[in-house]
Amino acid sequence: MSQQLSEQEIIRRNKLDKLKALNINPYPAPLYPVTHYSADIKKLFSEETKEQFSNVCVAGRIMSLTDRGKVFFIKIQDSKGIIQLYVRKDDVCEGEDKTLFDEVIKHLIDLGDIIGVTGFVFITRTGEISIHAKSFTLLTKSLKPLPVVKRDEEGNVYDEVTDPEFRYRQRYADLIVNPEVKNTFLKRTQMINAMRAFLNERSAVEVDTPVLQPIPGGAAARPFVTHHNALDIPLYLRIANELYLKRLIVGGFDWVYEFSRDFRNEGMDRTHNPEFTILEWYTAYKDYFWMMETTEQLFEKIALTLHGTTEVKVGETTISFKTPFKRITIYDAIKEHTGFDVSEMDEAKLIDVCKQLNIEADETMGKGKLIDAIFSEKAEDKFIQPTFIIDYPVEMSPLTKKHRSKQGLVERFELMINGKELANAYSELNDPIDQRERFEEQSRLMERGDEEAMFIDEDFLRALEYGMPPTSGIGIGIDRLCMLMTNQSSIQDVLLFPQMRPERRTDEA
């Protein structure tokens, strides 16, 4: 099927043909010796330093072009910002080239084209730091018009492109016309680097574990299924990397971590994407009390690194990451926000409570999922400041060590911030017999219709039988944490390329 072109796209392709007819290569070889960037020039240039900027080479995308007769004022955008070019044909051309220059810059150059310029930096009569061009090179001809963004005379945007369908689907164009979006992703990288540095300073070892797994383990979630042709077996995209990291603890590592891409075949909304990033780490000879203290320290460091303070603005709320964080049991949290004490209830009573609270529930849900549903629907969003929800019922946590002093509970916490779960951690279950019994209970739930129940992983059980030392582990949702630290309300705003429904072609009925 032939490509459907707009009128503007046809015009640009005609300009491309004219450039080629003039022996101007619209896509020259990639080497271009850039020496300076817009933000650095604006920050460092002054009368005292102007000699350092007497010969600069810059490149960027044309965002505006003003024809003043023999002079053109062009604003280009590079990876660090926008800077003005002062282009006079008498300076960049000689003889017959002047006529050619008029033809090219007046009639064949468009907004969105990428150009390179050499010259010297100066300050215009209006006080704007600019580059006086001595040479002008077309580096890339743009064939698709950019969305229109309106700016004032200082270059500040007052009518931006906000359509999420466009922004998420065409992130490359979003980054061009909304350059401030890049700051979110630079902050994301800064955040991950801070987390990595925190762990490395404590002698943790970064590792890689399989993405394709024969059994999807380590979490309760519906997996994506694929097929390995050579082995003729089904494989699953990992829903977690927990069980492989624990195998490494069995093998003798004391502290391992991994930033992993995980995949869960579930719904999509403002806080869920089927492909997401998580940090998991596991540390031998530690428990969930140690893990809470370490997690507090990590989150405080992240806030200080990104914002220079432990007070972070999220919407209209200020979140304090100053340690220590509040702690409350899940039963007390449910009682506080529903009035029901569910600590001694069986499945039938829990289903009745769900009905009274208008929470969907049915007989396929075991005790653990029912308690989880009550907490998620009626209590979770009440915890705005960082709070550890601790001591979960054993039915909710098939990979967690039983509580050392509280019957029927396990040593687990979830960190809630701004009404959302940011981390999930355990004192890890290392009793292989108990672990097998928990897996078997999960298998029975699967037979009852629970599509998120865990598989029995015989190889992991074999690893535990060799002996895993007392261990604490945690998973931290990187995407949600980035939302929090960059004050974004949608997960799509912290993913460069969020999952989208298939694009409907304009020529389809």
Protein backbone atom coordinates (compact mmCIF):
# COMPACT_ATOMS: atom_id res chain seq x y z
CA MET A 1 0.00 0.00 0.00
CA SER A 2 1.47 3.36 -1.00
CA GLN A 3 2.22 5.99 1.62
CA GLN A 4 -0.43 8.67 1.97
CA LEU A 5 1.27 12.08 1.93
CA SER A 6 -0.13 15.40 3.07
CA GLU A 7 0.20 18.50 0.93
CA GLN A 8 3.02 19.78 3.12
CA GLU A 9 4.87 16.48 2.87
CA ILE A 10 4.62 16.58 -0.93
CA ILE A 11 6.01 20.13 -0.94
CA ARG A 12 8.96 19.06 1.19
CA ARG A 13 9.73 16.14 -1.08
CA ASN A 14 9.75 18.52 -4.04
CA LYS A 15 12.24 20.70 -2.17
CA LEU A 16 14.35 17.61 -1.58
CA ASP A 17 14.45 16.94 -5.32
CA LYS A 18 15.45 20.57 -6.02
CA LEU A 19 18.28 20.36 -3.50
CA LYS A 20 19.61 17.27 -5.22
CA ALA A 21 19.32 19.02 -8.60
CA LEU A 22 21.53 21.79 -7.19
CA ASN A 23 24.11 19.14 -6.19
CA ILE A 24 23.40 19.74 -2.50
CA ASN A 25 23.45 16.49 -0.56
CA PRO A 26 20.52 16.71 1.90
CA TYR A 27 21.92 13.81 3.93
CA PRO A 28 25.73 14.17 3.96
CA ALA A 29 28.17 11.90 5.79
CA PRO A 30 27.51 11.76 9.55
CA LEU A 31 30.79 13.30 10.76
CA TYR A 32 30.27 16.94 11.74
CA PRO A 33 32.77 18.47 14.20
CA VAL A 34 30.48 20.03 16.81
CA THR A 35 32.53 21.92 19.41
CA HIS A 36 29.94 23.76 21.50
CA TYR A 37 26.36 23.47 22.73
CA SER A 38 23.71 26.14 23.19
CA ALA A 39 23.36 26.00 26.98
CA ASP A 40 27.13 26.04 27.54
CA ILE A 41 27.56 29.05 25.25
CA LYS A 42 24.81 30.99 27.00
CA LYS A 43 26.16 30.12 30.44
CA LEU A 44 29.85 30.82 29.83
CA PHE A 45 29.99 33.59 27.22
CA SER A 46 30.90 37.11 28.37
CA GLU A 47 33.12 39.98 27.34
CA GLU A 48 35.90 38.41 29.39
CA THR A 49 35.55 34.98 27.75
CA LYS A 50 34.64 35.97 24.19
CA GLU A 51 38.05 34.92 22.83
CA GLN A 52 37.20 31.34 23.82
CA PHE A 53 34.14 31.57 21.55
CA SER A 54 35.77 33.18 18.51
CA ASN A 55 35.52 29.94 16.52
CA VAL A 56 32.63 27.65 17.38
CA CYS A 57 30.86 24.87 15.51
CA VAL A 58 27.28 24.06 16.40
CA ALA A 59 24.51 21.91 14.95
CA GLY A 60 20.81 21.61 15.58
CA ARG A 61 17.25 21.60 14.33
CA ILE A 62 15.71 24.80 12.92
CA MET A 63 12.88 25.92 15.20
CA SER A 64 12.33 29.39 13.72
CA LEU A 65 13.60 31.32 10.68
CA THR A 66 13.18 35.06 10.12
CA ASP A 67 14.08 36.70 6.80
CA ARG A 68 15.41 40.25 7.17
CA GLY A 69 16.60 40.67 3.57
CA LYS A 70 20.34 40.09 3.52
CA VAL A 71 20.27 38.68 7.06
CA PHE A 72 18.47 35.65 8.46
CA PHE A 73 17.85 35.07 12.15
CA ILE A 74 17.59 31.32 12.75
CA LYS A 75 16.97 29.61 16.06
CA ILE A 76 18.27 26.07 16.30
CA GLN A 77 17.65 23.50 19.00
CA ASP A 78 20.43 21.13 20.02
CA SER A 79 20.46 18.54 22.79
CA LYS A 80 20.90 21.20 25.48
CA GLY A 81 18.65 24.04 24.39
CA ILE A 82 18.03 26.76 21.78
CA ILE A 83 20.40 29.40 20.44
CA GLN A 84 20.04 32.11 17.80
CA LEU A 85 22.12 32.22 14.61
CA TYR A 86 22.88 35.43 12.72
CA VAL A 87 23.31 34.37 9.08
CA ARG A 88 24.34 36.95 6.45
CA LYS A 89 24.93 35.66 2.94
CA ASP A 90 27.89 38.04 2.41
CA ASP A 91 29.63 36.21 5.28
CA VAL A 92 28.87 32.63 4.28
CA CYS A 93 29.00 32.89 0.48
CA GLU A 94 31.09 34.33 -2.31
CA GLY A 95 30.28 35.16 -5.95
CA GLU A 96 27.74 32.88 -7.56
CA ASP A 97 27.18 31.08 -4.28
CA LYS A 98 25.24 34.09 -3.01
CA THR A 99 22.48 33.48 -5.56
CA LEU A 100 22.47 29.79 -4.68
CA PHE A 101 22.28 30.66 -0.99
CA ASP A 102 19.18 32.82 -1.56
CA GLU A 103 17.51 29.97 -3.40
CA VAL A 104 18.33 27.44 -0.69
CA ILE A 105 17.64 29.35 2.49
CA LYS A 106 14.59 31.27 1.24
CA HIS A 107 12.86 28.53 -0.66
CA LEU A 108 14.27 25.08 0.20
CA ILE A 109 14.98 25.22 3.94
CA ASP A 110 12.17 24.39 6.38
CA LEU A 111 11.49 24.34 10.09
CA GLY A 112 12.68 20.99 11.37
CA ASP A 113 15.72 20.78 9.06
CA ILE A 114 19.01 20.09 10.81
CA ILE A 115 21.89 22.41 9.98
CA GLY A 116 25.48 23.01 11.03
CA VAL A 117 27.11 26.40 11.44
CA THR A 118 30.58 27.69 12.24
CA GLY A 119 31.22 31.21 13.43
CA PHE A 120 31.82 33.38 16.48
CA VAL A 121 29.64 34.26 19.44
CA PHE A 122 28.46 37.82 20.04
CA ILE A 123 25.65 39.75 21.68
CA THR A 124 23.05 41.38 19.45
CA ARG A 125 21.77 44.92 19.93
CA THR A 126 18.74 43.43 21.69
CA GLY A 127 21.03 41.69 24.17
CA GLU A 128 20.69 38.12 22.90
CA ILE A 129 23.71 35.84 22.86
CA SER A 130 23.95 34.61 19.25
CA ILE A 131 26.33 33.02 16.77
CA HIS A 132 27.48 35.05 13.79
CA ALA A 133 27.69 32.41 11.05
CA LYS A 134 30.77 32.05 8.84
CA SER A 135 29.66 28.82 7.17
CA PHE A 136 26.31 27.11 6.77
CA THR A 137 25.71 23.39 6.05
CA LEU A 138 22.49 21.45 5.54
CA LEU A 139 22.90 18.21 7.49
CA THR A 140 19.40 16.67 7.28
CA LYS A 141 16.32 17.60 5.29
CA SER A 142 13.11 17.11 7.28
CA LEU A 143 10.27 15.63 5.23
CA LYS A 144 7.51 15.92 7.83
CA PRO A 145 6.37 19.25 9.30
CA LEU A 146 6.68 19.64 13.05
CA PRO A 147 3.57 20.29 15.11
CA VAL A 148 3.13 24.02 15.65
CA VAL A 149 4.38 25.31 18.98
CA LYS A 150 3.84 29.01 19.70
CA ARG A 151 6.58 30.91 21.52
CA ASP A 152 7.03 34.50 22.63
CA GLU A 153 9.93 36.71 21.56
CA GLU A 154 12.13 35.25 24.31
CA GLY A 155 11.45 31.74 23.06
CA ASN A 156 9.14 30.76 25.93
CA VAL A 157 6.32 28.41 24.97
CA TYR A 158 2.79 29.72 25.50
CA ASP A 159 0.88 27.23 23.32
CA GLU A 160 2.42 23.78 23.66
CA VAL A 161 1.57 20.41 22.10
CA THR A 162 -0.32 18.46 24.77
CA ASP A 163 -2.28 15.74 22.95
CA PRO A 164 -1.23 12.51 24.77
CA GLU A 165 -2.10 10.28 21.80
CA PHE A 166 0.43 12.21 19.72
CA ARG A 167 3.01 12.66 22.49
CA TYR A 168 3.21 9.01 23.59
CA ARG A 169 2.94 7.50 20.11
CA GLN A 170 5.43 9.89 18.51
CA ARG A 171 7.80 10.46 21.41
CA TYR A 172 10.54 11.52 18.99
CA ALA A 173 8.41 14.48 17.87
CA ASP A 174 7.26 15.16 21.42
CA LEU A 175 10.88 15.56 22.51
CA ILE A 176 11.49 18.04 19.67
CA VAL A 177 8.53 20.33 20.27
CA ASN A 178 8.39 19.85 24.06
CA PRO A 179 12.11 19.78 24.93
CA GLU A 180 11.38 20.11 28.65
CA VAL A 181 10.04 16.53 28.48
CA LYS A 182 13.64 15.40 28.18
CA ASN A 183 14.28 16.64 31.73
CA THR A 184 12.02 13.92 33.12
CA PHE A 185 14.08 11.23 31.46
CA LEU A 186 17.36 12.83 32.45
CA LYS A 187 16.05 12.80 36.04
CA ARG A 188 15.14 9.14 35.61
CA THR A 189 18.71 8.32 34.60
CA GLN A 190 20.04 10.40 37.49
CA MET A 191 17.74 8.52 39.87
CA ILE A 192 18.86 5.09 38.64
CA ASN A 193 22.51 6.15 38.82
CA ALA A 194 21.98 7.25 42.43
CA MET A 195 20.41 3.89 43.29
CA ARG A 196 23.22 2.01 41.58
CA ALA A 197 25.84 4.09 43.41
CA PHE A 198 24.08 3.47 46.76
CA LEU A 199 24.26 -0.29 46.21
CA ASN A 200 27.77 -0.36 44.79
CA GLU A 201 29.09 1.66 47.75
CA ARG A 202 27.82 -1.16 49.97
CA SER A 203 29.58 -3.86 47.90
CA ALA A 204 26.43 -5.19 46.25
CA VAL A 205 27.05 -7.00 42.95
CA GLU A 206 25.02 -6.16 39.83
CA VAL A 207 24.01 -9.27 37.85
CA ASP A 208 21.87 -10.32 34.88
CA THR A 209 19.25 -13.06 34.97
CA PRO A 210 17.13 -14.61 32.19
CA VAL A 211 14.25 -12.71 30.61
CA LEU A 212 12.94 -15.86 28.92
CA GLN A 213 12.05 -18.36 31.62
CA PRO A 214 10.64 -21.91 31.53
CA ILE A 215 8.50 -21.10 34.59
CA PRO A 216 7.25 -17.57 35.37
CA GLY A 217 8.06 -17.26 39.06
CA GLY A 218 8.70 -14.71 41.77
CA ALA A 219 5.33 -12.93 41.70
CA ALA A 220 1.60 -13.47 41.34
CA ALA A 221 0.82 -12.25 37.82
CA ARG A 222 -0.39 -13.45 34.43
CA PRO A 223 2.62 -13.97 32.13
CA PHE A 224 3.23 -13.43 28.43
CA VAL A 225 3.83 -16.73 26.65
CA THR A 226 6.11 -17.36 23.68
CA HIS A 227 7.64 -20.40 21.99
CA HIS A 228 11.23 -21.46 21.46
CA ASN A 229 11.42 -23.13 18.06
CA ALA A 230 14.74 -24.93 18.44
CA LEU A 231 13.84 -26.51 21.78
CA ASP A 232 10.14 -26.78 20.87
CA ILE A 233 9.06 -25.60 24.32
CA PRO A 234 6.92 -22.77 25.66
CA LEU A 235 8.79 -19.96 27.40
CA TYR A 236 7.54 -17.03 29.44
CA LEU A 237 8.67 -13.43 29.61
CA ARG A 238 9.70 -12.96 33.20
CA ILE A 239 7.21 -11.49 35.64
CA ALA A 240 10.01 -11.13 38.23
CA ASN A 241 13.68 -12.03 38.63
CA GLU A 242 13.39 -13.02 42.29
CA LEU A 243 13.91 -16.76 42.05
CA TYR A 244 17.05 -16.44 39.93
CA LEU A 245 18.59 -13.87 42.27
CA LYS A 246 17.90 -16.19 45.21
CA ARG A 247 19.66 -19.00 43.34
CA LEU A 248 22.74 -16.74 43.35
CA ILE A 249 22.47 -16.31 47.12
CA VAL A 250 22.42 -20.11 47.37
CA GLY A 251 25.52 -20.12 45.17
CA GLY A 252 27.49 -17.94 47.56
CA PHE A 253 26.86 -14.30 46.66
CA ASP A 254 26.12 -12.15 49.72
CA TRP A 255 24.34 -9.23 48.01
CA VAL A 256 23.10 -9.18 44.41
CA TYR A 257 20.91 -6.72 42.54
CA GLU A 258 19.44 -6.26 39.09
CA PHE A 259 17.56 -3.51 37.26
CA SER A 260 15.27 -5.74 35.22
CA ARG A 261 12.61 -5.32 32.57
CA ASP A 262 9.64 -7.40 33.67
CA PHE A 263 6.44 -8.22 31.79
CA ARG A 264 2.94 -8.85 33.12
CA ASN A 265 0.00 -9.58 30.87
CA GLU A 266 -2.38 -7.33 32.74
CA GLY A 267 -4.39 -4.15 32.26
CA MET A 268 -2.98 -0.72 31.47
CA ASP A 269 -3.78 2.47 33.33
CA ARG A 270 -2.05 5.57 34.73
CA THR A 271 0.17 3.45 37.02
CA HIS A 272 0.47 0.19 35.06
CA ASN A 273 2.29 -0.70 31.84
CA PRO A 274 2.68 -4.33 30.70
CA GLU A 275 6.45 -3.81 30.38
CA PHE A 276 8.08 -2.12 33.36
CA THR A 277 11.40 -1.69 35.17
CA ILE A 278 12.07 -2.95 38.66
CA LEU A 279 15.09 -3.02 40.94
CA GLU A 280 15.38 -6.18 43.00
CA TRP A 281 18.12 -7.00 45.46
CA TYR A 282 18.77 -9.85 47.87
CA THR A 283 21.14 -9.78 50.84
CA ALA A 284 22.26 -12.77 52.88
CA TYR A 285 22.10 -12.78 56.68
CA LYS A 286 19.64 -9.86 56.79
CA ASP A 287 15.93 -9.58 57.64
CA TYR A 288 13.04 -7.26 56.84
CA PHE A 289 13.87 -4.94 59.74
CA TRP A 290 17.31 -4.29 58.24
CA MET A 291 15.67 -3.94 54.83
CA MET A 292 13.29 -1.24 56.07
CA GLU A 293 16.18 0.81 57.44
CA THR A 294 18.21 0.38 54.23
CA THR A 295 15.22 1.28 52.05
CA GLU A 296 14.61 4.45 54.05
CA GLN A 297 18.23 5.46 53.56
CA LEU A 298 18.02 4.79 49.81
CA PHE A 299 14.85 6.84 49.29
CA GLU A 300 16.25 9.71 51.34
CA LYS A 301 19.42 9.68 49.21
CA ILE A 302 17.41 9.70 45.98
CA ALA A 303 15.42 12.75 47.10
CA LEU A 304 18.58 14.59 48.12
CA THR A 305 20.34 13.70 44.86
CA LEU A 306 17.50 14.82 42.60
CA HIS A 307 16.13 17.75 44.60
CA GLY A 308 18.74 18.74 47.17
CA THR A 309 16.16 18.27 49.93
CA THR A 310 14.11 15.51 51.54
CA GLU A 311 10.92 17.52 50.82
CA VAL A 312 9.55 16.63 47.38
CA LYS A 313 6.52 18.30 45.79
CA VAL A 314 4.07 15.82 44.24
CA GLY A 315 1.02 17.56 42.82
CA GLU A 316 -0.31 19.74 45.62
CA THR A 317 1.29 17.57 48.31
CA THR A 318 4.74 17.74 49.84
CA ILE A 319 6.22 14.30 50.53
CA SER A 320 8.90 14.08 53.22
CA PHE A 321 11.57 11.45 52.66
CA LYS A 322 13.29 12.23 55.94
CA THR A 323 13.97 9.01 57.83
CA PRO A 324 12.57 7.14 59.68
CA PHE A 325 9.32 6.20 57.92
CA LYS A 326 6.08 5.27 59.68
CA ARG A 327 5.27 1.54 60.19
CA ILE A 328 1.83 -0.09 60.58
CA THR A 329 0.57 -3.67 60.18
CA ILE A 330 -1.74 -4.47 57.28
CA TYR A 331 -4.49 -5.63 59.68
CA ASP A 332 -4.30 -2.35 61.61
CA ALA A 333 -4.31 -0.40 58.34
CA ILE A 334 -7.48 -2.17 57.18
CA LYS A 335 -9.18 -1.71 60.55
CA GLU A 336 -8.23 1.97 60.65
CA HIS A 337 -9.81 2.69 57.28
CA THR A 338 -12.73 0.22 57.14
CA GLY A 339 -13.63 -0.49 60.76
CA PHE A 340 -13.31 -4.25 60.15
CA ASP A 341 -10.86 -6.47 62.05
CA VAL A 342 -10.11 -9.14 59.42
CA SER A 343 -7.25 -10.78 61.30
CA GLU A 344 -9.26 -13.85 62.35
CA MET A 345 -11.66 -14.11 59.38
CA ASP A 346 -11.95 -17.09 57.04
CA GLU A 347 -12.72 -16.86 53.30
CA ALA A 348 -16.50 -16.79 53.77
CA LYS A 349 -16.36 -13.90 56.24
CA LEU A 350 -13.88 -12.01 54.05
CA ILE A 351 -16.18 -12.36 51.03
CA ASP A 352 -19.03 -11.00 53.18
CA VAL A 353 -16.86 -8.00 54.19
CA CYS A 354 -16.04 -7.39 50.52
CA LYS A 355 -19.75 -7.34 49.71
CA GLN A 356 -20.41 -4.85 52.51
CA LEU A 357 -17.59 -2.64 51.20
CA ASN A 358 -18.77 -2.98 47.57
CA ILE A 359 -15.58 -4.79 46.54
CA GLU A 360 -15.82 -7.41 43.80
CA ALA A 361 -15.00 -10.89 45.15
CA ASP A 362 -15.73 -14.50 44.26
CA GLU A 363 -14.90 -18.05 45.33
CA THR A 364 -11.82 -18.28 43.05
CA MET A 365 -10.07 -15.78 45.35
CA GLY A 366 -8.27 -17.29 48.30
CA LYS A 367 -7.87 -15.61 51.67
CA GLY A 368 -4.74 -13.77 50.58
CA LYS A 369 -6.31 -12.17 47.49
CA LEU A 370 -9.41 -11.18 49.46
CA ILE A 371 -7.36 -9.37 52.11
CA ASP A 372 -5.27 -7.78 49.37
CA ALA A 373 -8.44 -6.57 47.63
CA ILE A 374 -9.78 -4.99 50.82
CA PHE A 375 -6.50 -3.22 51.55
CA SER A 376 -6.02 -2.09 47.94
CA GLU A 377 -9.56 -0.74 47.57
CA LYS A 378 -10.10 0.87 50.96
CA ALA A 379 -6.76 1.62 52.64
CA GLU A 380 -3.85 1.86 50.21
CA ASP A 381 -4.60 5.33 48.83
CA LYS A 382 -4.80 6.79 52.36
CA PHE A 383 -1.06 6.49 52.95
CA ILE A 384 0.45 9.63 51.45
CA GLN A 385 3.64 10.05 53.46
CA PRO A 386 6.12 7.14 53.23
CA THR A 387 4.72 4.28 55.30
CA PHE A 388 5.79 0.66 55.69
CA ILE A 389 2.78 -1.66 55.72
CA ILE A 390 4.11 -4.71 57.58
CA ASP A 391 3.30 -8.24 58.75
CA TYR A 392 1.10 -9.73 56.04
CA PRO A 393 -0.96 -12.94 56.36
CA VAL A 394 0.89 -16.01 55.13
CA GLU A 395 -1.70 -16.60 52.39
CA MET A 396 -0.67 -13.36 50.66
CA SER A 397 3.03 -14.16 50.56
CA PRO A 398 4.05 -17.60 49.25
CA LEU A 399 7.78 -16.72 49.14
CA THR A 400 8.09 -15.12 52.58
CA LYS A 401 9.42 -16.45 55.87
CA LYS A 402 6.83 -16.97 58.60
CA HIS A 403 6.86 -14.32 61.30
CA ARG A 404 9.18 -15.12 64.17
CA SER A 405 6.59 -14.17 66.81
CA LYS A 406 3.15 -13.71 65.20
CA GLN A 407 1.22 -16.85 64.24
CA GLY A 408 -0.25 -16.85 60.71
CA LEU A 409 1.80 -13.88 59.52
CA VAL A 410 4.97 -13.43 57.50
CA GLU A 411 7.84 -10.95 57.70
CA ARG A 412 6.94 -8.74 54.78
CA PHE A 413 6.47 -5.06 54.13
CA GLU A 414 5.22 -2.87 51.31
CA LEU A 415 6.28 0.77 51.11
CA MET A 416 3.35 3.07 50.38
CA ILE A 417 3.93 6.63 49.19
CA ASN A 418 1.32 9.01 47.81
CA GLY A 419 -1.25 6.23 47.95
CA LYS A 420 0.72 3.77 45.81
CA GLU A 421 2.97 0.78 46.45
CA LEU A 422 6.59 1.64 45.67
CA ALA A 423 8.39 -1.39 47.13
CA ASN A 424 7.71 -4.92 48.32
CA ALA A 425 10.14 -6.77 50.61
CA TYR A 426 10.46 -9.95 52.69
CA SER A 427 12.50 -11.90 55.07
CA GLU A 428 12.86 -14.60 52.44
CA LEU A 429 11.52 -18.09 52.93
CA ASN A 430 14.48 -20.50 52.92
CA ASP A 431 12.78 -23.65 54.25
CA PRO A 432 12.42 -25.87 51.13
CA ILE A 433 9.69 -28.04 52.68
CA ASP A 434 7.59 -25.02 53.69
CA GLN A 435 8.23 -23.50 50.26
CA ARG A 436 6.97 -26.61 48.49
CA GLU A 437 3.79 -26.56 50.56
CA ARG A 438 3.24 -22.87 49.67
CA PHE A 439 3.76 -23.62 45.96
CA GLU A 440 1.29 -26.51 46.19
CA GLU A 441 -1.29 -24.20 47.73
CA GLN A 442 -0.71 -21.81 44.83
CA SER A 443 -1.24 -24.72 42.45
CA ARG A 444 -4.60 -25.44 44.06
CA LEU A 445 -5.58 -21.79 43.59
CA MET A 446 -4.62 -22.08 39.93
CA GLU A 447 -6.93 -25.09 39.60
CA ARG A 448 -9.73 -22.96 41.08
CA GLY A 449 -9.25 -20.46 38.26
CA ASP A 450 -6.70 -17.99 39.68
CA GLU A 451 -4.68 -17.03 36.55
CA GLU A 452 -2.12 -15.15 38.66
CA ALA A 453 -1.25 -18.01 41.03
CA MET A 454 2.38 -19.16 41.04
CA PHE A 455 3.74 -22.23 39.26
CA ILE A 456 5.70 -24.90 41.15
CA ASP A 457 9.38 -24.29 40.30
CA GLU A 458 11.14 -27.59 40.95
CA ASP A 459 14.59 -26.24 40.12
CA PHE A 460 14.21 -23.41 42.61
CA LEU A 461 13.09 -25.91 45.25
CA ARG A 462 16.18 -27.99 44.46
CA ALA A 463 18.33 -24.90 44.96
CA LEU A 464 16.75 -24.28 48.37
CA GLU A 465 17.47 -27.88 49.33
CA TYR A 466 21.18 -27.14 48.99
CA GLY A 467 20.61 -24.45 51.61
CA MET A 468 19.99 -20.71 51.27
CA PRO A 469 21.22 -18.57 54.17
CA PRO A 470 18.78 -16.25 55.97
CA THR A 471 18.11 -13.57 53.35
CA SER A 472 16.14 -10.40 52.88
CA GLY A 473 14.97 -9.23 49.45
CA ILE A 474 13.14 -6.28 47.94
CA GLY A 475 11.59 -5.13 44.67
CA ILE A 476 11.28 -1.39 43.93
CA GLY A 477 9.14 -0.15 41.02
CA ILE A 478 11.39 2.20 39.07
CA ASP A 479 8.63 3.68 36.89
CA ARG A 480 6.38 4.58 39.83
CA LEU A 481 9.34 5.94 41.77
CA CYS A 482 10.26 8.09 38.78
CA MET A 483 6.67 9.38 38.62
CA LEU A 484 6.97 10.39 42.25
CA MET A 485 10.38 12.03 41.98
CA THR A 486 9.54 13.97 38.79
CA ASN A 487 5.98 14.95 39.79
CA GLN A 488 4.27 13.08 36.96
CA SER A 489 0.72 11.73 37.34
CA SER A 490 0.87 9.10 34.57
CA ILE A 491 3.31 6.24 34.04
CA GLN A 492 3.27 7.06 30.31
CA ASP A 493 5.08 10.31 31.13
CA VAL A 494 8.10 8.46 32.57
CA LEU A 495 8.33 5.82 29.81
CA LEU A 496 9.98 6.93 26.60
CA PHE A 497 7.84 4.54 24.57
CA PRO A 498 4.78 3.38 26.54
CA GLN A 499 2.66 0.57 25.19
CA MET A 500 -0.14 1.84 22.93
CA ARG A 501 -3.07 0.32 21.09
CA PRO A 502 -2.27 -0.36 17.41
CA GLU A 503 -2.39 2.87 15.44
CA ARG A 504 -5.43 3.18 13.20
CA ARG A 505 -4.42 4.10 9.68
CA THR A 506 -6.06 7.22 8.26
CA ASP A 507 -7.04 5.32 5.10
CA GLU A 508 -8.87 2.61 7.05
CA ALA A 509 -12.65 2.66 7.17
